Full PDB file with SEQRES, HELIX, SHEET, SSBOND, CRYST1, ORIGX, SCALE, CONECT and MASTER records, all heavy atoms in Angstrom:
SEQRES   1 A   30  PHE GLY VAL MET SER ILE PRO THR LEU VAL VAL ILE LYS          
SEQRES   2 A   30  ASN GLY GLN ILE VAL ASN GLN SER VAL GLY ALA LYS PRO          
SEQRES   3 A   30  LYS ASN ALA ILE                                              
SHEET    1 AA1 2 THR A   8  LYS A  13  0                                        
SHEET    2 AA1 2 GLN A  16  VAL A  22 -1                                        
CRYST1    1.000    1.000    1.000  90.00  90.00  90.00 P 1           1          
ORIGX1      1.000000  0.000000  0.000000        0.00000                         
ORIGX2      0.000000  1.000000  0.000000        0.00000                         
ORIGX3      0.000000  0.000000  1.000000        0.00000                         
SCALE1      1.000000  0.000000  0.000000        0.00000                         
SCALE2      0.000000  1.000000  0.000000        0.00000                         
SCALE3      0.000000  0.000000  1.000000        0.00000                         
ATOM      1  N   PHE A   1    -125.046 -70.531  72.414  1.00  0.00           N  
ATOM      2  CA  PHE A   1    -124.180 -69.388  72.698  1.00  0.00           C  
ATOM      3  C   PHE A   1    -122.717 -69.790  72.835  1.00  0.00           C  
ATOM      4  O   PHE A   1    -121.885 -68.965  73.168  1.00  0.00           O  
ATOM      5  CB  PHE A   1    -124.651 -68.677  73.972  1.00  0.00           C  
ATOM      6  CG  PHE A   1    -125.847 -67.815  73.746  1.00  0.00           C  
ATOM      7  CD1 PHE A   1    -127.122 -68.343  73.808  1.00  0.00           C  
ATOM      8  CD2 PHE A   1    -125.709 -66.476  73.436  1.00  0.00           C  
ATOM      9  CE1 PHE A   1    -128.230 -67.560  73.581  1.00  0.00           C  
ATOM     10  CE2 PHE A   1    -126.814 -65.678  73.204  1.00  0.00           C  
ATOM     11  CZ  PHE A   1    -128.081 -66.228  73.273  1.00  0.00           C  
ATOM     12  N   GLY A   2    -122.403 -71.062  72.603  1.00  0.00           N  
ATOM     13  CA  GLY A   2    -121.027 -71.524  72.690  1.00  0.00           C  
ATOM     14  C   GLY A   2    -120.461 -71.432  74.098  1.00  0.00           C  
ATOM     15  O   GLY A   2    -119.264 -71.224  74.277  1.00  0.00           O  
ATOM     16  N   VAL A   3    -121.332 -71.592  75.103  1.00  0.00           N  
ATOM     17  CA  VAL A   3    -120.879 -71.482  76.493  1.00  0.00           C  
ATOM     18  C   VAL A   3    -120.090 -72.733  76.860  1.00  0.00           C  
ATOM     19  O   VAL A   3    -120.618 -73.837  76.869  1.00  0.00           O  
ATOM     20  CB  VAL A   3    -122.088 -71.295  77.446  1.00  0.00           C  
ATOM     21  CG1 VAL A   3    -121.638 -71.346  78.888  1.00  0.00           C  
ATOM     22  CG2 VAL A   3    -122.793 -69.985  77.141  1.00  0.00           C  
ATOM     23  N   MET A   4    -118.796 -72.539  77.154  1.00  0.00           N  
ATOM     24  CA  MET A   4    -117.924 -73.644  77.551  1.00  0.00           C  
ATOM     25  C   MET A   4    -117.557 -73.556  79.028  1.00  0.00           C  
ATOM     26  O   MET A   4    -117.253 -74.560  79.649  1.00  0.00           O  
ATOM     27  CB  MET A   4    -116.635 -73.621  76.721  1.00  0.00           C  
ATOM     28  CG  MET A   4    -116.853 -73.858  75.259  1.00  0.00           C  
ATOM     29  SD  MET A   4    -117.424 -75.537  74.995  1.00  0.00           S  
ATOM     30  CE  MET A   4    -117.963 -75.453  73.324  1.00  0.00           C  
ATOM     31  N   SER A   5    -117.540 -72.341  79.563  1.00  0.00           N  
ATOM     32  CA  SER A   5    -117.213 -72.109  80.966  1.00  0.00           C  
ATOM     33  C   SER A   5    -118.288 -71.218  81.566  1.00  0.00           C  
ATOM     34  O   SER A   5    -118.859 -70.376  80.879  1.00  0.00           O  
ATOM     35  CB  SER A   5    -115.864 -71.403  81.097  1.00  0.00           C  
ATOM     36  OG  SER A   5    -114.841 -72.192  80.548  1.00  0.00           O  
ATOM     37  N   ILE A   6    -118.522 -71.411  82.855  1.00  0.00           N  
ATOM     38  CA  ILE A   6    -119.506 -70.571  83.537  1.00  0.00           C  
ATOM     39  C   ILE A   6    -118.866 -69.957  84.771  1.00  0.00           C  
ATOM     40  O   ILE A   6    -117.906 -70.529  85.300  1.00  0.00           O  
ATOM     41  CB  ILE A   6    -120.783 -71.362  83.901  1.00  0.00           C  
ATOM     42  CG1 ILE A   6    -120.432 -72.645  84.658  1.00  0.00           C  
ATOM     43  CG2 ILE A   6    -121.624 -71.646  82.685  1.00  0.00           C  
ATOM     44  CD1 ILE A   6    -121.625 -73.422  85.155  1.00  0.00           C  
ATOM     45  N   PRO A   7    -119.331 -68.803  85.212  1.00  0.00           N  
ATOM     46  CA  PRO A   7    -120.426 -68.051  84.621  1.00  0.00           C  
ATOM     47  C   PRO A   7    -120.021 -67.364  83.316  1.00  0.00           C  
ATOM     48  O   PRO A   7    -118.890 -66.920  83.174  1.00  0.00           O  
ATOM     49  CB  PRO A   7    -120.747 -66.999  85.692  1.00  0.00           C  
ATOM     50  CG  PRO A   7    -119.452 -66.799  86.425  1.00  0.00           C  
ATOM     51  CD  PRO A   7    -118.775 -68.138  86.402  1.00  0.00           C  
ATOM     52  N   THR A   8    -120.952 -67.322  82.390  1.00  0.00           N  
ATOM     53  CA  THR A   8    -120.798 -66.541  81.168  1.00  0.00           C  
ATOM     54  C   THR A   8    -121.910 -65.504  81.156  1.00  0.00           C  
ATOM     55  O   THR A   8    -123.075 -65.844  81.349  1.00  0.00           O  
ATOM     56  CB  THR A   8    -120.889 -67.438  79.912  1.00  0.00           C  
ATOM     57  OG1 THR A   8    -119.750 -68.302  79.868  1.00  0.00           O  
ATOM     58  CG2 THR A   8    -120.920 -66.597  78.644  1.00  0.00           C  
ATOM     59  N   LEU A   9    -121.530 -64.250  80.952  1.00  0.00           N  
ATOM     60  CA  LEU A   9    -122.499 -63.160  80.861  1.00  0.00           C  
ATOM     61  C   LEU A   9    -122.559 -62.696  79.411  1.00  0.00           C  
ATOM     62  O   LEU A   9    -121.515 -62.503  78.782  1.00  0.00           O  
ATOM     63  CB  LEU A   9    -122.085 -62.001  81.767  1.00  0.00           C  
ATOM     64  CG  LEU A   9    -122.035 -62.335  83.258  1.00  0.00           C  
ATOM     65  CD1 LEU A   9    -121.389 -61.195  84.031  1.00  0.00           C  
ATOM     66  CD2 LEU A   9    -123.417 -62.613  83.798  1.00  0.00           C  
ATOM     67  N   VAL A  10    -123.779 -62.545  78.900  1.00  0.00           N  
ATOM     68  CA  VAL A  10    -123.985 -62.142  77.515  1.00  0.00           C  
ATOM     69  C   VAL A  10    -124.952 -60.960  77.494  1.00  0.00           C  
ATOM     70  O   VAL A  10    -125.981 -60.992  78.163  1.00  0.00           O  
ATOM     71  CB  VAL A  10    -124.569 -63.312  76.672  1.00  0.00           C  
ATOM     72  CG1 VAL A  10    -124.821 -62.881  75.236  1.00  0.00           C  
ATOM     73  CG2 VAL A  10    -123.650 -64.517  76.715  1.00  0.00           C  
ATOM     74  N   VAL A  11    -124.611 -59.932  76.711  1.00  0.00           N  
ATOM     75  CA  VAL A  11    -125.512 -58.796  76.523  1.00  0.00           C  
ATOM     76  C   VAL A  11    -126.058 -58.873  75.099  1.00  0.00           C  
ATOM     77  O   VAL A  11    -125.289 -58.981  74.139  1.00  0.00           O  
ATOM     78  CB  VAL A  11    -124.791 -57.453  76.745  1.00  0.00           C  
ATOM     79  CG1 VAL A  11    -125.738 -56.288  76.492  1.00  0.00           C  
ATOM     80  CG2 VAL A  11    -124.218 -57.375  78.157  1.00  0.00           C  
ATOM     81  N   ILE A  12    -127.387 -58.841  74.997  1.00  0.00           N  
ATOM     82  CA  ILE A  12    -128.056 -58.945  73.703  1.00  0.00           C  
ATOM     83  C   ILE A  12    -128.894 -57.698  73.477  1.00  0.00           C  
ATOM     84  O   ILE A  12    -129.674 -57.310  74.346  1.00  0.00           O  
ATOM     85  CB  ILE A  12    -128.942 -60.207  73.657  1.00  0.00           C  
ATOM     86  CG1 ILE A  12    -128.060 -61.444  73.827  1.00  0.00           C  
ATOM     87  CG2 ILE A  12    -129.744 -60.259  72.360  1.00  0.00           C  
ATOM     88  CD1 ILE A  12    -128.823 -62.723  73.999  1.00  0.00           C  
ATOM     89  N   LYS A  13    -128.690 -57.072  72.306  1.00  0.00           N  
ATOM     90  CA  LYS A  13    -129.500 -55.916  71.915  1.00  0.00           C  
ATOM     91  C   LYS A  13    -130.074 -56.205  70.540  1.00  0.00           C  
ATOM     92  O   LYS A  13    -129.347 -56.624  69.638  1.00  0.00           O  
ATOM     93  CB  LYS A  13    -128.646 -54.638  71.853  1.00  0.00           C  
ATOM     94  CG  LYS A  13    -128.188 -54.158  73.201  1.00  0.00           C  
ATOM     95  CD  LYS A  13    -127.380 -52.875  73.097  1.00  0.00           C  
ATOM     96  CE  LYS A  13    -126.848 -52.470  74.467  1.00  0.00           C  
ATOM     97  NZ  LYS A  13    -125.897 -51.369  74.391  1.00  0.00           N  
ATOM     98  N   ASN A  14    -131.373 -55.984  70.394  1.00  0.00           N  
ATOM     99  CA  ASN A  14    -132.053 -56.221  69.119  1.00  0.00           C  
ATOM    100  C   ASN A  14    -131.789 -57.620  68.580  1.00  0.00           C  
ATOM    101  O   ASN A  14    -131.573 -57.808  67.391  1.00  0.00           O  
ATOM    102  CB  ASN A  14    -131.650 -55.166  68.088  1.00  0.00           C  
ATOM    103  CG  ASN A  14    -131.950 -53.765  68.574  1.00  0.00           C  
ATOM    104  OD1 ASN A  14    -133.009 -53.523  69.142  1.00  0.00           O  
ATOM    105  ND2 ASN A  14    -131.028 -52.858  68.376  1.00  0.00           N  
ATOM    106  N   GLY A  15    -131.742 -58.616  69.474  1.00  0.00           N  
ATOM    107  CA  GLY A  15    -131.555 -60.003  69.063  1.00  0.00           C  
ATOM    108  C   GLY A  15    -130.129 -60.381  68.721  1.00  0.00           C  
ATOM    109  O   GLY A  15    -129.875 -61.503  68.305  1.00  0.00           O  
ATOM    110  N   GLN A  16    -129.180 -59.446  68.887  1.00  0.00           N  
ATOM    111  CA  GLN A  16    -127.781 -59.706  68.529  1.00  0.00           C  
ATOM    112  C   GLN A  16    -126.885 -59.629  69.766  1.00  0.00           C  
ATOM    113  O   GLN A  16    -127.078 -58.766  70.618  1.00  0.00           O  
ATOM    114  CB  GLN A  16    -127.282 -58.670  67.513  1.00  0.00           C  
ATOM    115  CG  GLN A  16    -128.072 -58.627  66.226  1.00  0.00           C  
ATOM    116  CD  GLN A  16    -127.946 -59.893  65.412  1.00  0.00           C  
ATOM    117  OE1 GLN A  16    -126.858 -60.415  65.224  1.00  0.00           O  
ATOM    118  NE2 GLN A  16    -129.069 -60.413  64.936  1.00  0.00           N  
ATOM    119  N   ILE A  17    -125.888 -60.515  69.832  1.00  0.00           N  
ATOM    120  CA  ILE A  17    -124.919 -60.459  70.930  1.00  0.00           C  
ATOM    121  C   ILE A  17    -124.023 -59.245  70.710  1.00  0.00           C  
ATOM    122  O   ILE A  17    -123.412 -59.101  69.652  1.00  0.00           O  
ATOM    123  CB  ILE A  17    -124.059 -61.738  70.980  1.00  0.00           C  
ATOM    124  CG1 ILE A  17    -124.930 -62.953  71.281  1.00  0.00           C  
ATOM    125  CG2 ILE A  17    -122.951 -61.599  72.024  1.00  0.00           C  
ATOM    126  CD1 ILE A  17    -124.206 -64.278  71.171  1.00  0.00           C  
ATOM    127  N   VAL A  18    -123.949 -58.359  71.709  1.00  0.00           N  
ATOM    128  CA  VAL A  18    -123.097 -57.180  71.593  1.00  0.00           C  
ATOM    129  C   VAL A  18    -121.934 -57.234  72.573  1.00  0.00           C  
ATOM    130  O   VAL A  18    -120.964 -56.493  72.418  1.00  0.00           O  
ATOM    131  CB  VAL A  18    -123.894 -55.867  71.794  1.00  0.00           C  
ATOM    132  CG1 VAL A  18    -124.904 -55.686  70.670  1.00  0.00           C  
ATOM    133  CG2 VAL A  18    -124.576 -55.825  73.137  1.00  0.00           C  
ATOM    134  N   ASN A  19    -122.013 -58.109  73.572  1.00  0.00           N  
ATOM    135  CA  ASN A  19    -120.920 -58.236  74.533  1.00  0.00           C  
ATOM    136  C   ASN A  19    -121.021 -59.595  75.197  1.00  0.00           C  
ATOM    137  O   ASN A  19    -122.121 -60.109  75.404  1.00  0.00           O  
ATOM    138  CB  ASN A  19    -120.991 -57.121  75.578  1.00  0.00           C  
ATOM    139  CG  ASN A  19    -119.633 -56.679  76.052  1.00  0.00           C  
ATOM    140  OD1 ASN A  19    -118.683 -57.447  76.028  1.00  0.00           O  
ATOM    141  ND2 ASN A  19    -119.545 -55.441  76.487  1.00  0.00           N  
ATOM    142  N   GLN A  20    -119.862 -60.163  75.549  1.00  0.00           N  
ATOM    143  CA  GLN A  20    -119.840 -61.473  76.206  1.00  0.00           C  
ATOM    144  C   GLN A  20    -118.604 -61.552  77.080  1.00  0.00           C  
ATOM    145  O   GLN A  20    -117.552 -61.034  76.715  1.00  0.00           O  
ATOM    146  CB  GLN A  20    -119.826 -62.575  75.141  1.00  0.00           C  
ATOM    147  CG  GLN A  20    -120.061 -63.944  75.691  1.00  0.00           C  
ATOM    148  CD  GLN A  20    -120.434 -64.948  74.593  1.00  0.00           C  
ATOM    149  OE1 GLN A  20    -120.810 -64.576  73.486  1.00  0.00           O  
ATOM    150  NE2 GLN A  20    -120.334 -66.214  74.909  1.00  0.00           N  
ATOM    151  N   SER A  21    -118.756 -62.179  78.241  1.00  0.00           N  
ATOM    152  CA  SER A  21    -117.648 -62.260  79.177  1.00  0.00           C  
ATOM    153  C   SER A  21    -117.753 -63.564  79.959  1.00  0.00           C  
ATOM    154  O   SER A  21    -118.846 -64.017  80.287  1.00  0.00           O  
ATOM    155  CB  SER A  21    -117.721 -61.034  80.087  1.00  0.00           C  
ATOM    156  OG  SER A  21    -117.277 -61.306  81.363  1.00  0.00           O  
ATOM    157  N   VAL A  22    -116.597 -64.186  80.226  1.00  0.00           N  
ATOM    158  CA  VAL A  22    -116.554 -65.448  80.963  1.00  0.00           C  
ATOM    159  C   VAL A  22    -115.851 -65.221  82.297  1.00  0.00           C  
ATOM    160  O   VAL A  22    -114.826 -64.546  82.356  1.00  0.00           O  
ATOM    161  CB  VAL A  22    -115.807 -66.534  80.144  1.00  0.00           C  
ATOM    162  CG1 VAL A  22    -115.700 -67.826  80.936  1.00  0.00           C  
ATOM    163  CG2 VAL A  22    -116.497 -66.771  78.817  1.00  0.00           C  
ATOM    164  N   GLY A  23    -116.418 -65.796  83.346  1.00  0.00           N  
ATOM    165  CA  GLY A  23    -115.800 -65.723  84.669  1.00  0.00           C  
ATOM    166  C   GLY A  23    -116.497 -64.714  85.560  1.00  0.00           C  
ATOM    167  O   GLY A  23    -117.273 -63.883  85.100  1.00  0.00           O  
ATOM    168  N   ALA A  24    -116.223 -64.838  86.855  1.00  0.00           N  
ATOM    169  CA  ALA A  24    -116.816 -63.929  87.833  1.00  0.00           C  
ATOM    170  C   ALA A  24    -116.262 -62.521  87.634  1.00  0.00           C  
ATOM    171  O   ALA A  24    -115.077 -62.337  87.383  1.00  0.00           O  
ATOM    172  CB  ALA A  24    -116.517 -64.418  89.249  1.00  0.00           C  
ATOM    173  N   LYS A  25    -117.160 -61.545  87.707  1.00  0.00           N  
ATOM    174  CA  LYS A  25    -116.784 -60.143  87.522  1.00  0.00           C  
ATOM    175  C   LYS A  25    -117.403 -59.320  88.645  1.00  0.00           C  
ATOM    176  O   LYS A  25    -118.496 -59.630  89.111  1.00  0.00           O  
ATOM    177  CB  LYS A  25    -117.340 -59.608  86.194  1.00  0.00           C  
ATOM    178  CG  LYS A  25    -116.878 -60.363  84.962  1.00  0.00           C  
ATOM    179  CD  LYS A  25    -115.605 -59.780  84.424  1.00  0.00           C  
ATOM    180  CE  LYS A  25    -115.160 -60.427  83.152  1.00  0.00           C  
ATOM    181  NZ  LYS A  25    -114.484 -61.683  83.278  1.00  0.00           N  
ATOM    182  N   PRO A  26    -116.743 -58.219  89.035  1.00  0.00           N  
ATOM    183  CA  PRO A  26    -117.373 -57.306  89.999  1.00  0.00           C  
ATOM    184  C   PRO A  26    -118.494 -56.531  89.319  1.00  0.00           C  
ATOM    185  O   PRO A  26    -118.585 -56.461  88.085  1.00  0.00           O  
ATOM    186  CB  PRO A  26    -116.225 -56.387  90.420  1.00  0.00           C  
ATOM    187  CG  PRO A  26    -115.245 -56.454  89.297  1.00  0.00           C  
ATOM    188  CD  PRO A  26    -115.397 -57.815  88.666  1.00  0.00           C  
ATOM    189  N   LYS A  27    -119.340 -55.921  90.130  1.00  0.00           N  
ATOM    190  CA  LYS A  27    -120.514 -55.227  89.625  1.00  0.00           C  
ATOM    191  C   LYS A  27    -120.158 -54.166  88.586  1.00  0.00           C  
ATOM    192  O   LYS A  27    -120.795 -54.071  87.548  1.00  0.00           O  
ATOM    193  CB  LYS A  27    -121.276 -54.600  90.793  1.00  0.00           C  
ATOM    194  CG  LYS A  27    -122.553 -53.915  90.373  1.00  0.00           C  
ATOM    195  CD  LYS A  27    -123.306 -53.375  91.580  1.00  0.00           C  
ATOM    196  CE  LYS A  27    -124.567 -52.669  91.173  1.00  0.00           C  
ATOM    197  NZ  LYS A  27    -125.278 -52.105  92.324  1.00  0.00           N  
ATOM    198  N   ASN A  28    -119.118 -53.357  88.858  1.00  0.00           N  
ATOM    199  CA  ASN A  28    -118.772 -52.281  87.913  1.00  0.00           C  
ATOM    200  C   ASN A  28    -118.368 -52.833  86.541  1.00  0.00           C  
ATOM    201  O   ASN A  28    -118.648 -52.236  85.517  1.00  0.00           O  
ATOM    202  CB  ASN A  28    -117.712 -51.340  88.493  1.00  0.00           C  
ATOM    203  CG  ASN A  28    -116.395 -52.027  88.803  1.00  0.00           C  
ATOM    204  OD1 ASN A  28    -116.332 -53.260  88.856  1.00  0.00           O  
ATOM    205  ND2 ASN A  28    -115.368 -51.262  89.034  1.00  0.00           N  
ATOM    206  N   ALA A  29    -117.719 -54.001  86.520  1.00  0.00           N  
ATOM    207  CA  ALA A  29    -117.324 -54.610  85.245  1.00  0.00           C  
ATOM    208  C   ALA A  29    -118.549 -55.121  84.486  1.00  0.00           C  
ATOM    209  O   ALA A  29    -118.624 -55.024  83.263  1.00  0.00           O  
ATOM    210  CB  ALA A  29    -116.326 -55.743  85.483  1.00  0.00           C  
ATOM    211  N   ILE A  30    -119.521 -55.658  85.219  1.00  0.00           N  
ATOM    212  CA  ILE A  30    -120.752 -56.141  84.576  1.00  0.00           C  
ATOM    213  C   ILE A  30    -121.535 -54.941  84.023  1.00  0.00           C  
ATOM    214  O   ILE A  30    -122.008 -54.974  82.897  1.00  0.00           O  
ATOM    215  CB  ILE A  30    -121.610 -56.951  85.568  1.00  0.00           C  
ATOM    216  CG1 ILE A  30    -120.854 -58.222  85.983  1.00  0.00           C  
ATOM    217  CG2 ILE A  30    -122.959 -57.304  84.943  1.00  0.00           C  
ATOM    218  CD1 ILE A  30    -121.512 -59.014  87.101  1.00  0.00           C  
TER     219      ILE A  30                                                      
MASTER        0    0    0    0    2    0    0    6  218    1    0    3          
END                                                                             
């Protein structure tokens, strides 16, 4: 997934990455 920094959050739909974000996020952003 090319994760270089953590935390990294990834959303996968139907086997495909549809969203990705690096760093701590509040609940509403996640």
